[in-house]
Amino acid sequence: MAGTQTGTARRRGGPRVDGRTNRAAPRARRHLRVRKRVTGAAVRPRLVVTRSARHTSAQLIDDNAGRTLASASSLDESIRGSDGDKKAKARKVGELLAARAVQAGVTAAVFDRAGYRYHGRVAALADGAREGGLQF
């Protein structure tokens, strides 16, 4: 198979034959490392953050039952039309998620940063969730 790269460099997100790197692979590895230690239950679900280039979303997941208890996203109508940069919208997502969690009867959660650094939008979402009444 000429022109394809196999082996360790490809699995670890190293450079491909065309010189580009697979940026999702290292984050997936970090997420697996975090998930080894972080699990959610009905009493204390896992708050997982998902980030894209434009939007931020979060879910409260009960891993034992395999269901989502509450979710919020910057695509929600109340946040989508609001002013502010992505960091401000991430804070609003955290506040909205906390409000929905309190409605669902959840007051505490375990934070899962999903392989992202605890910085910027991820930290803003966590701060917003804390302000909304979630404890972690």
N, C-alpha and C. Protein backbone atom coordinates (compact mmCIF):
# COMPACT_ATOMS: atom_id res chain seq x y z
N MET A 1 0.84 -1.18 0.00
CA MET A 1 0.00 0.00 0.00
C MET A 1 0.89 1.24 0.00
N ALA A 2 1.31 1.62 -1.13
CA ALA A 2 2.17 2.80 -1.25
C ALA A 2 1.34 4.07 -1.02
N GLY A 3 1.92 5.00 -0.28
CA GLY A 3 1.25 6.28 -0.07
C GLY A 3 0.40 6.36 1.18
N THR A 4 0.27 5.27 1.91
CA THR A 4 -0.51 5.33 3.14
C THR A 4 0.42 5.08 4.31
N GLN A 5 0.06 5.67 5.44
CA GLN A 5 0.89 5.52 6.62
C GLN A 5 0.16 4.67 7.64
N THR A 6 0.84 3.70 8.17
CA THR A 6 0.26 2.87 9.21
C THR A 6 1.18 2.92 10.41
N GLY A 7 0.79 2.27 11.46
CA GLY A 7 1.67 2.17 12.60
C GLY A 7 1.40 3.22 13.66
N THR A 8 2.37 3.40 14.51
CA THR A 8 2.23 4.21 15.71
C THR A 8 1.95 5.67 15.40
N ALA A 9 2.63 6.25 14.44
CA ALA A 9 2.44 7.68 14.16
C ALA A 9 1.01 7.97 13.76
N ARG A 10 0.40 7.10 13.00
CA ARG A 10 -0.97 7.32 12.56
C ARG A 10 -1.94 7.15 13.73
N ARG A 11 -1.72 6.15 14.57
CA ARG A 11 -2.61 5.92 15.70
C ARG A 11 -2.52 7.03 16.72
N ARG A 12 -1.38 7.64 16.87
CA ARG A 12 -1.20 8.68 17.88
C ARG A 12 -1.50 10.07 17.36
N GLY A 13 -2.07 10.19 16.20
CA GLY A 13 -2.43 11.49 15.67
C GLY A 13 -1.25 12.21 15.06
N GLY A 14 -0.24 11.47 14.67
CA GLY A 14 0.94 12.08 14.07
C GLY A 14 0.67 12.52 12.64
N PRO A 15 1.67 13.07 11.98
CA PRO A 15 1.44 13.57 10.63
C PRO A 15 1.12 12.45 9.65
N ARG A 16 0.19 12.75 8.76
CA ARG A 16 -0.18 11.79 7.73
C ARG A 16 0.78 11.96 6.56
N VAL A 17 0.57 11.17 5.54
CA VAL A 17 1.44 11.22 4.37
C VAL A 17 1.37 12.58 3.71
N ASP A 18 0.19 13.21 3.71
CA ASP A 18 0.05 14.50 3.06
C ASP A 18 0.51 15.67 3.95
N GLY A 19 1.05 15.38 5.15
CA GLY A 19 1.60 16.41 6.00
C GLY A 19 0.64 16.97 7.04
N ARG A 20 -0.66 16.71 6.87
CA ARG A 20 -1.63 17.20 7.85
C ARG A 20 -1.65 16.29 9.06
N THR A 21 -2.16 16.80 10.17
CA THR A 21 -2.27 15.98 11.35
C THR A 21 -3.74 15.73 11.67
N ASN A 22 -3.99 14.62 12.33
CA ASN A 22 -5.33 14.28 12.78
C ASN A 22 -5.50 14.89 14.16
N ARG A 23 -6.22 16.01 14.27
CA ARG A 23 -6.32 16.73 15.52
C ARG A 23 -7.33 16.13 16.48
N ALA A 24 -8.21 15.28 15.99
CA ALA A 24 -9.22 14.68 16.86
C ALA A 24 -8.66 13.52 17.68
N ALA A 25 -7.66 12.85 17.19
CA ALA A 25 -7.14 11.67 17.87
C ALA A 25 -6.53 11.98 19.24
N PRO A 26 -5.69 12.99 19.38
CA PRO A 26 -5.15 13.28 20.72
C PRO A 26 -6.24 13.67 21.71
N ARG A 27 -7.25 14.43 21.28
CA ARG A 27 -8.33 14.81 22.18
C ARG A 27 -9.14 13.57 22.59
N ALA A 28 -9.34 12.66 21.67
CA ALA A 28 -10.06 11.42 21.99
C ALA A 28 -9.29 10.60 23.03
N ARG A 29 -7.96 10.57 22.91
CA ARG A 29 -7.14 9.87 23.90
C ARG A 29 -7.26 10.53 25.27
N ARG A 30 -7.21 11.87 25.29
CA ARG A 30 -7.35 12.57 26.57
C ARG A 30 -8.71 12.32 27.18
N HIS A 31 -9.76 12.29 26.33
CA HIS A 31 -11.11 12.04 26.83
C HIS A 31 -11.20 10.65 27.45
N LEU A 32 -10.60 9.67 26.82
CA LEU A 32 -10.62 8.31 27.38
C LEU A 32 -9.90 8.27 28.73
N ARG A 33 -8.81 9.03 28.86
CA ARG A 33 -8.09 9.09 30.13
C ARG A 33 -8.97 9.68 31.23
N VAL A 34 -9.72 10.74 30.88
CA VAL A 34 -10.61 11.37 31.85
C VAL A 34 -11.75 10.42 32.19
N ARG A 35 -12.31 9.75 31.19
CA ARG A 35 -13.47 8.88 31.40
C ARG A 35 -13.15 7.65 32.23
N LYS A 36 -11.87 7.27 32.32
CA LYS A 36 -11.50 6.15 33.19
C LYS A 36 -11.84 6.47 34.64
N ARG A 37 -11.73 7.74 35.00
CA ARG A 37 -11.90 8.14 36.39
C ARG A 37 -13.25 8.79 36.68
N VAL A 38 -13.93 9.30 35.66
CA VAL A 38 -15.15 10.08 35.86
C VAL A 38 -16.35 9.29 35.35
N THR A 39 -17.27 8.97 36.27
CA THR A 39 -18.52 8.34 35.88
C THR A 39 -19.66 9.06 36.58
N GLY A 40 -20.82 9.03 35.97
CA GLY A 40 -21.98 9.71 36.53
C GLY A 40 -23.03 8.72 36.98
N ALA A 41 -23.77 9.10 38.00
CA ALA A 41 -24.87 8.29 38.50
C ALA A 41 -26.11 9.17 38.57
N ALA A 42 -27.23 8.61 38.96
CA ALA A 42 -28.47 9.39 39.02
C ALA A 42 -28.36 10.49 40.07
N VAL A 43 -27.69 10.20 41.17
CA VAL A 43 -27.55 11.20 42.24
C VAL A 43 -26.56 12.28 41.84
N ARG A 44 -25.47 11.90 41.19
CA ARG A 44 -24.42 12.84 40.80
C ARG A 44 -24.03 12.54 39.34
N PRO A 45 -24.79 13.06 38.37
CA PRO A 45 -24.52 12.74 36.97
C PRO A 45 -23.26 13.42 36.45
N ARG A 46 -22.84 12.99 35.28
CA ARG A 46 -21.64 13.53 34.64
C ARG A 46 -22.05 14.70 33.75
N LEU A 47 -21.41 15.85 33.95
CA LEU A 47 -21.65 17.03 33.11
C LEU A 47 -20.56 17.01 32.04
N VAL A 48 -20.94 16.67 30.82
CA VAL A 48 -19.97 16.57 29.73
C VAL A 48 -20.13 17.76 28.80
N VAL A 49 -18.99 18.35 28.42
CA VAL A 49 -18.95 19.54 27.57
C VAL A 49 -18.56 19.11 26.16
N THR A 50 -19.23 19.66 25.17
CA THR A 50 -18.87 19.45 23.77
C THR A 50 -18.67 20.81 23.14
N ARG A 51 -17.59 20.93 22.41
CA ARG A 51 -17.21 22.22 21.85
C ARG A 51 -16.97 22.07 20.35
N SER A 52 -17.46 23.00 19.58
CA SER A 52 -17.13 23.05 18.17
C SER A 52 -16.51 24.42 17.90
N ALA A 53 -16.24 24.71 16.66
CA ALA A 53 -15.63 26.00 16.35
C ALA A 53 -16.58 27.16 16.65
N ARG A 54 -17.88 26.93 16.53
CA ARG A 54 -18.84 28.02 16.73
C ARG A 54 -19.74 27.87 17.93
N HIS A 55 -19.99 26.65 18.38
CA HIS A 55 -21.00 26.42 19.40
C HIS A 55 -20.46 25.58 20.56
N THR A 56 -21.19 25.65 21.67
CA THR A 56 -20.87 24.90 22.87
C THR A 56 -22.14 24.22 23.36
N SER A 57 -22.02 22.98 23.80
CA SER A 57 -23.18 22.30 24.37
C SER A 57 -22.73 21.50 25.58
N ALA A 58 -23.70 21.16 26.42
CA ALA A 58 -23.40 20.40 27.62
C ALA A 58 -24.58 19.50 27.94
N GLN A 59 -24.29 18.35 28.56
CA GLN A 59 -25.32 17.39 28.93
C GLN A 59 -25.03 16.86 30.32
N LEU A 60 -26.07 16.56 31.05
CA LEU A 60 -25.96 15.83 32.31
C LEU A 60 -26.36 14.39 32.03
N ILE A 61 -25.43 13.46 32.21
CA ILE A 61 -25.65 12.07 31.80
C ILE A 61 -25.56 11.15 33.01
N ASP A 62 -26.56 10.29 33.14
CA ASP A 62 -26.54 9.21 34.12
C ASP A 62 -25.95 7.99 33.41
N ASP A 63 -24.70 7.67 33.71
CA ASP A 63 -24.03 6.57 33.02
C ASP A 63 -24.58 5.21 33.40
N ASN A 64 -25.12 5.08 34.60
CA ASN A 64 -25.68 3.78 35.01
C ASN A 64 -26.90 3.43 34.17
N ALA A 65 -27.79 4.40 33.97
CA ALA A 65 -28.99 4.16 33.18
C ALA A 65 -28.76 4.42 31.70
N GLY A 66 -27.71 5.14 31.36
CA GLY A 66 -27.42 5.44 29.97
C GLY A 66 -28.37 6.45 29.37
N ARG A 67 -28.79 7.45 30.18
CA ARG A 67 -29.70 8.45 29.64
C ARG A 67 -29.28 9.86 30.04
N THR A 68 -29.72 10.81 29.23
CA THR A 68 -29.43 12.21 29.46
C THR A 68 -30.52 12.82 30.33
N LEU A 69 -30.11 13.45 31.42
CA LEU A 69 -31.08 14.04 32.35
C LEU A 69 -31.43 15.47 31.97
N ALA A 70 -30.47 16.22 31.46
CA ALA A 70 -30.70 17.61 31.04
C ALA A 70 -29.63 17.98 30.03
N SER A 71 -29.96 18.92 29.15
CA SER A 71 -28.99 19.37 28.17
C SER A 71 -29.24 20.84 27.84
N ALA A 72 -28.20 21.49 27.34
CA ALA A 72 -28.30 22.88 26.90
C ALA A 72 -27.25 23.11 25.83
N SER A 73 -27.51 24.06 24.95
CA SER A 73 -26.60 24.34 23.85
C SER A 73 -26.68 25.81 23.48
N SER A 74 -25.63 26.29 22.85
CA SER A 74 -25.65 27.67 22.36
C SER A 74 -26.57 27.80 21.14
N LEU A 75 -27.10 26.68 20.67
CA LEU A 75 -28.07 26.71 19.57
C LEU A 75 -29.50 26.91 20.08
N ASP A 76 -29.71 26.86 21.42
CA ASP A 76 -31.03 27.10 21.98
C ASP A 76 -31.48 28.52 21.65
N GLU A 77 -32.78 28.69 21.48
CA GLU A 77 -33.33 29.98 21.06
C GLU A 77 -32.98 31.11 22.02
N SER A 78 -32.98 30.84 23.31
CA SER A 78 -32.73 31.89 24.29
C SER A 78 -31.28 32.38 24.25
N ILE A 79 -30.37 31.55 23.79
CA ILE A 79 -28.95 31.91 23.76
C ILE A 79 -28.51 32.33 22.37
N ARG A 80 -29.07 31.72 21.36
CA ARG A 80 -28.60 31.93 19.99
C ARG A 80 -28.68 33.39 19.56
N GLY A 81 -29.75 34.08 19.91
CA GLY A 81 -29.91 35.46 19.49
C GLY A 81 -29.26 36.48 20.40
N SER A 82 -28.65 36.03 21.49
CA SER A 82 -28.08 36.97 22.45
C SER A 82 -26.75 37.52 21.96
N ASP A 83 -26.40 38.66 22.54
CA ASP A 83 -25.12 39.29 22.18
C ASP A 83 -24.01 38.67 23.01
N GLY A 84 -22.79 38.90 22.58
CA GLY A 84 -21.62 38.43 23.31
C GLY A 84 -20.78 37.49 22.49
N ASP A 85 -19.56 37.29 22.97
CA ASP A 85 -18.66 36.39 22.28
C ASP A 85 -18.96 34.94 22.68
N LYS A 86 -18.17 34.01 22.17
CA LYS A 86 -18.42 32.60 22.42
C LYS A 86 -18.26 32.25 23.90
N LYS A 87 -17.37 32.94 24.57
CA LYS A 87 -17.15 32.67 26.00
C LYS A 87 -18.37 33.09 26.81
N ALA A 88 -18.97 34.23 26.48
CA ALA A 88 -20.17 34.69 27.18
C ALA A 88 -21.34 33.75 26.92
N LYS A 89 -21.44 33.27 25.69
CA LYS A 89 -22.52 32.32 25.38
C LYS A 89 -22.32 31.00 26.10
N ALA A 90 -21.05 30.57 26.27
CA ALA A 90 -20.78 29.34 27.00
C ALA A 90 -21.21 29.48 28.46
N ARG A 91 -20.99 30.66 29.04
CA ARG A 91 -21.44 30.90 30.42
C ARG A 91 -22.96 30.79 30.50
N LYS A 92 -23.66 31.33 29.50
CA LYS A 92 -25.13 31.25 29.48
C LYS A 92 -25.60 29.81 29.32
N VAL A 93 -24.85 29.02 28.54
CA VAL A 93 -25.18 27.60 28.39
C VAL A 93 -25.08 26.91 29.75
N GLY A 94 -24.04 27.22 30.51
CA GLY A 94 -23.89 26.64 31.84
C GLY A 94 -25.03 27.03 32.78
N GLU A 95 -25.44 28.30 32.72
CA GLU A 95 -26.54 28.76 33.57
C GLU A 95 -27.84 28.07 33.18
N LEU A 96 -28.10 27.95 31.86
CA LEU A 96 -29.31 27.30 31.39
C LEU A 96 -29.32 25.82 31.77
N LEU A 97 -28.18 25.16 31.65
CA LEU A 97 -28.09 23.75 32.03
C LEU A 97 -28.36 23.58 33.52
N ALA A 98 -27.82 24.48 34.34
CA ALA A 98 -28.03 24.40 35.78
C ALA A 98 -29.51 24.58 36.11
N ALA A 99 -30.17 25.50 35.42
CA ALA A 99 -31.60 25.72 35.67
C ALA A 99 -32.40 24.46 35.29
N ARG A 100 -32.07 23.84 34.17
CA ARG A 100 -32.76 22.63 33.75
C ARG A 100 -32.44 21.45 34.68
N ALA A 101 -31.23 21.44 35.22
CA ALA A 101 -30.85 20.38 36.15
C ALA A 101 -31.62 20.50 37.46
N VAL A 102 -31.79 21.72 37.94
CA VAL A 102 -32.54 21.92 39.18
C VAL A 102 -33.99 21.50 38.97
N GLN A 103 -34.55 21.77 37.79
CA GLN A 103 -35.90 21.31 37.48
C GLN A 103 -35.99 19.79 37.48
N ALA A 104 -34.92 19.13 37.04
CA ALA A 104 -34.89 17.67 37.00
C ALA A 104 -34.54 17.07 38.36
N GLY A 105 -34.24 17.91 39.34
CA GLY A 105 -33.94 17.42 40.68
C GLY A 105 -32.48 17.09 40.91
N VAL A 106 -31.59 17.65 40.11
CA VAL A 106 -30.15 17.40 40.25
C VAL A 106 -29.49 18.64 40.83
N THR A 107 -28.71 18.47 41.89
CA THR A 107 -28.01 19.60 42.49
C THR A 107 -26.50 19.47 42.43
N ALA A 108 -25.99 18.25 42.21
CA ALA A 108 -24.55 18.02 42.15
C ALA A 108 -24.21 17.22 40.90
N ALA A 109 -23.02 17.47 40.38
CA ALA A 109 -22.58 16.78 39.17
C ALA A 109 -21.08 16.56 39.22
N VAL A 110 -20.60 15.68 38.35
CA VAL A 110 -19.17 15.44 38.16
C VAL A 110 -18.81 16.07 36.82
N PHE A 111 -17.78 16.91 36.80
CA PHE A 111 -17.44 17.64 35.58
C PHE A 111 -16.52 16.80 34.69
N ASP A 112 -16.93 16.63 33.43
CA ASP A 112 -16.15 15.91 32.43
C ASP A 112 -15.79 16.90 31.34
N ARG A 113 -14.52 17.27 31.28
CA ARG A 113 -14.10 18.28 30.30
C ARG A 113 -13.90 17.69 28.91
N ALA A 114 -14.06 16.40 28.77
CA ALA A 114 -14.05 15.70 27.48
C ALA A 114 -12.76 15.89 26.69
N GLY A 115 -11.63 15.95 27.39
CA GLY A 115 -10.35 16.07 26.71
C GLY A 115 -9.98 17.49 26.35
N TYR A 116 -10.86 18.46 26.59
CA TYR A 116 -10.53 19.86 26.35
C TYR A 116 -9.83 20.43 27.57
N ARG A 117 -9.03 21.47 27.37
CA ARG A 117 -8.40 22.14 28.51
C ARG A 117 -9.45 22.87 29.31
N TYR A 118 -9.24 22.92 30.62
CA TYR A 118 -10.14 23.68 31.49
C TYR A 118 -9.73 25.14 31.38
N HIS A 119 -10.20 25.77 30.31
CA HIS A 119 -9.76 27.12 29.96
C HIS A 119 -10.77 27.69 28.98
N GLY A 120 -10.97 28.98 29.00
CA GLY A 120 -11.82 29.62 28.01
C GLY A 120 -13.28 29.23 28.13
N ARG A 121 -13.83 28.71 27.04
CA ARG A 121 -15.26 28.37 27.01
C ARG A 121 -15.62 27.25 27.97
N VAL A 122 -14.73 26.28 28.16
CA VAL A 122 -15.01 25.17 29.07
C VAL A 122 -15.09 25.69 30.51
N ALA A 123 -14.15 26.53 30.91
CA ALA A 123 -14.17 27.11 32.25
C ALA A 123 -15.36 28.04 32.43
N ALA A 124 -15.71 28.80 31.39
CA ALA A 124 -16.86 29.71 31.47
C ALA A 124 -18.16 28.93 31.66
N LEU A 125 -18.30 27.82 30.95
CA LEU A 125 -19.49 26.99 31.11
C LEU A 125 -19.56 26.44 32.53
N ALA A 126 -18.44 25.99 33.07
CA ALA A 126 -18.42 25.47 34.44
C ALA A 126 -18.79 26.56 35.44
N ASP A 127 -18.26 27.78 35.24
CA ASP A 127 -18.59 28.89 36.14
C ASP A 127 -20.07 29.23 36.07
N GLY A 128 -20.63 29.22 34.87
CA GLY A 128 -22.06 29.49 34.71
C GLY A 128 -22.92 28.44 35.39
N ALA A 129 -22.50 27.18 35.29
CA ALA A 129 -23.25 26.10 35.94
C ALA A 129 -23.18 26.24 37.47
N ARG A 130 -22.02 26.65 37.97
CA ARG A 130 -21.89 26.87 39.42
C ARG A 130 -22.79 28.01 39.87
N GLU A 131 -22.81 29.10 39.09
CA GLU A 131 -23.65 30.25 39.43
C GLU A 131 -25.12 29.86 39.41
N GLY A 132 -25.49 28.93 38.52
CA GLY A 132 -26.87 28.48 38.41
C GLY A 132 -27.30 27.53 39.52
N GLY A 133 -26.35 27.05 40.32
CA GLY A 133 -26.74 26.21 41.45
C GLY A 133 -26.20 24.79 41.43
N LEU A 134 -25.46 24.41 40.40
CA LEU A 134 -24.85 23.07 40.38
C LEU A 134 -23.57 23.06 41.21
N GLN A 135 -23.32 21.96 41.88
CA GLN A 135 -22.09 21.81 42.65
C GLN A 135 -21.25 20.71 42.04
N PHE A 136 -19.96 21.01 41.85
CA PHE A 136 -19.00 19.98 41.46
C PHE A 136 -17.61 20.41 41.85
